[in-house]
Structures are given as C-alpha cells and as structure tokens.
Protein backbone atom coordinates (compact mmCIF):
# COMPACT_ATOMS: atom_id res chain seq x y z
CA MET A 1 -15.50 -4.44 7.36
CA LYS A 2 -15.22 -1.31 9.49
CA ILE A 3 -11.69 0.04 9.74
CA PRO A 4 -10.79 1.64 13.10
CA GLU A 5 -9.77 5.26 13.55
CA PRO A 6 -6.23 6.68 13.19
CA PHE A 7 -3.31 5.68 15.38
CA ASN A 8 -0.14 7.37 16.53
CA SER A 9 2.54 4.71 16.18
CA TRP A 10 3.15 1.69 14.00
CA ASP A 11 2.52 -0.79 16.80
CA GLU A 12 -0.31 1.08 18.46
CA ASN A 13 -3.07 -0.30 16.28
CA PHE A 14 -2.05 -3.49 14.55
CA GLU A 15 -5.69 -4.44 14.14
CA ALA A 16 -6.46 -1.29 12.12
CA ARG A 17 -3.56 -1.88 9.72
CA ASN A 18 -4.33 -5.55 9.43
CA ALA A 19 -8.01 -4.86 8.70
CA PHE A 20 -7.10 -2.29 6.05
CA TYR A 21 -4.56 -4.49 4.27
CA HIS A 22 -7.06 -7.37 4.16
CA SER A 23 -9.98 -5.23 2.98
CA ASP A 24 -11.60 -5.14 -0.44
CA GLU A 25 -10.74 -1.44 -0.51
CA TRP A 26 -6.98 -2.19 -0.34
CA SER A 27 -7.29 -5.00 -2.91
CA GLU A 28 -8.91 -2.59 -5.35
CA LEU A 29 -6.34 0.16 -4.69
CA ARG A 30 -3.51 -2.34 -5.17
CA ARG A 31 -5.00 -3.47 -8.49
CA GLN A 32 -5.30 0.16 -9.65
CA VAL A 33 -1.68 0.92 -8.69
CA ILE A 34 -0.39 -2.10 -10.61
CA GLU A 35 -2.49 -1.15 -13.62
CA ARG A 36 -1.43 2.51 -13.45
CA SER A 37 2.28 1.65 -13.42
CA ASP A 38 1.88 -1.10 -16.04
CA GLY A 39 3.18 -3.50 -13.40
CA LYS A 40 6.59 -1.79 -13.34
CA CYS A 41 8.62 -0.38 -10.48
CA VAL A 42 8.29 3.42 -10.28
CA TYR A 43 12.01 3.69 -9.51
CA CYS A 44 13.79 1.30 -11.89
CA GLY A 45 11.08 0.46 -14.44
CA HIS A 46 11.56 -3.31 -14.09
CA LYS A 47 8.73 -5.79 -13.79
CA PRO A 48 8.63 -8.16 -10.82
CA THR A 49 10.07 -11.68 -10.90
CA PRO A 50 9.67 -14.59 -8.49
CA TYR A 51 12.91 -13.45 -6.85
CA ASN A 52 12.02 -9.76 -6.82
CA PRO A 53 8.30 -9.42 -5.96
CA ILE A 54 5.98 -6.42 -6.14
CA ASN A 55 5.63 -4.16 -3.15
CA ILE A 56 2.75 -1.71 -3.07
CA ASP A 57 3.29 0.92 -0.41
CA HIS A 58 2.23 4.34 0.82
CA ARG A 59 4.47 7.32 0.10
CA ILE A 60 3.55 8.68 3.53
CA PRO A 61 3.51 6.00 6.26
CA LEU A 62 0.08 5.11 7.59
CA CYS A 63 1.20 5.80 11.15
CA LYS A 64 1.76 9.44 10.12
CA ARG A 65 -1.29 9.99 7.88
CA TRP A 66 -3.93 7.31 8.39
CA ASP A 67 -6.44 9.57 6.61
CA LEU A 68 -4.50 9.17 3.33
CA ARG A 69 -4.61 5.35 3.38
CA ASN A 70 -7.00 5.13 0.44
CA LYS A 71 -5.67 7.98 -1.74
CA LEU A 72 -4.42 6.46 -4.97
CA LEU A 73 -1.89 9.23 -5.64
CA LYS A 74 -0.17 8.48 -2.33
CA ILE A 75 0.39 4.79 -3.15
CA TYR A 76 3.15 3.46 -5.41
CA LEU A 77 4.61 0.23 -6.75
CA CYS A 78 8.24 -0.69 -6.17
CA LEU A 79 10.32 -3.84 -6.22
CA LEU A 80 11.79 -5.16 -3.01
CA ILE A 81 15.56 -5.11 -3.15
C-alpha cells in the first residue's frame, strides 16, 4: 500500500494517516515497540490491563514530522490514563 506524502495539519490528510496506521509497516513497528519495552509503559512501568490499554504513539506528532513516522526511536509505548 502506497502511503501519501507529508501533510501540514492533523485533518489535512486523514487518508495518509489512516493508510499508515493500517499498514503492515505500522503493525511491525508496533510489535517492535511492545517487544522493546517488554510490554510496559515507558512512564510508569506498568503493563496494560483491559481497563488501561496499550497506546503506541509518536514522540513527535505525525503532522509535524511525517518523515519520522517509521523511525523506531521516535515511537513509544504508554498506557492511556
């Protein structure tokens, strides 16, 4: 699946974000992040529960640096609070 070019605002290119987050590339990055952090939140060290699920996110928002979307060091695991 070809992922479109960068965008300037969060709403400007929903299709690009959607394509990326449904791609095999993102699935693999997500798996690597979970493995790297041993499935624990980088902030509190807790593991997810059904009531406190995993959130894998970019340290720098995609709308600011689309080019870093697939850089493993820029992606982290945290628990939604």
